[in-house]
Amino acid sequence: MNEKEIVRREPFKDFLNLRDDFGHLFESFFGGMPMGRQDLGLPIVDIIENNGNIEVKAELPGMNKDDIKVTVRNNMLQLSGERKQEKETKEKKYHRVERYFGKFCRTIQLPADIDADKIKAQYKDGVLNITLPKPESMRPKEIEVQVK
């Protein structure tokens, strides 16, 4: 009698592997360009939580602050704007264009409640820094242990 081996299938893992395989195929075909959010024209972000704040850093190179809009609603941060293309002239001959131009909108679920009245946003050297303070009620409070 043959013993049958039970194999556990993970269909979602198979889809992820297939996606990675196609990603590598496109990377090799299109000259090694990584496939990611930047390819979709969406800003790349870091989200950090420290000192009672949530900090979001978004890469938005070459933009003017007036072309960037930041909104927060229901613990969702939305970054939107438009990257404008340089004025094209007839003398220019483009060999490759990899930068994305046009409108973008990226919505990010925030990991905690925030105090919307105290949000600050600064834009410098192509990086947008957004500080989202947590409300006092959400911040950890240290309780002193007393000895009797």
Foldseek 3Di string as FASTA:
>chain_A
DDDDDDDDDDVVVVVVVVVVVVQVVVCVVVPNDGDDVQQVVAWDWDWDDDPQKIKIKTFAPPDDPVQWDWDDDPQKIKIKGFAADDDDDPPDDDPDDRHDGTIDMDIDRHPAAFDVVPWDWDDDNRMIMIITGHDPVPDDDDDDDDDD
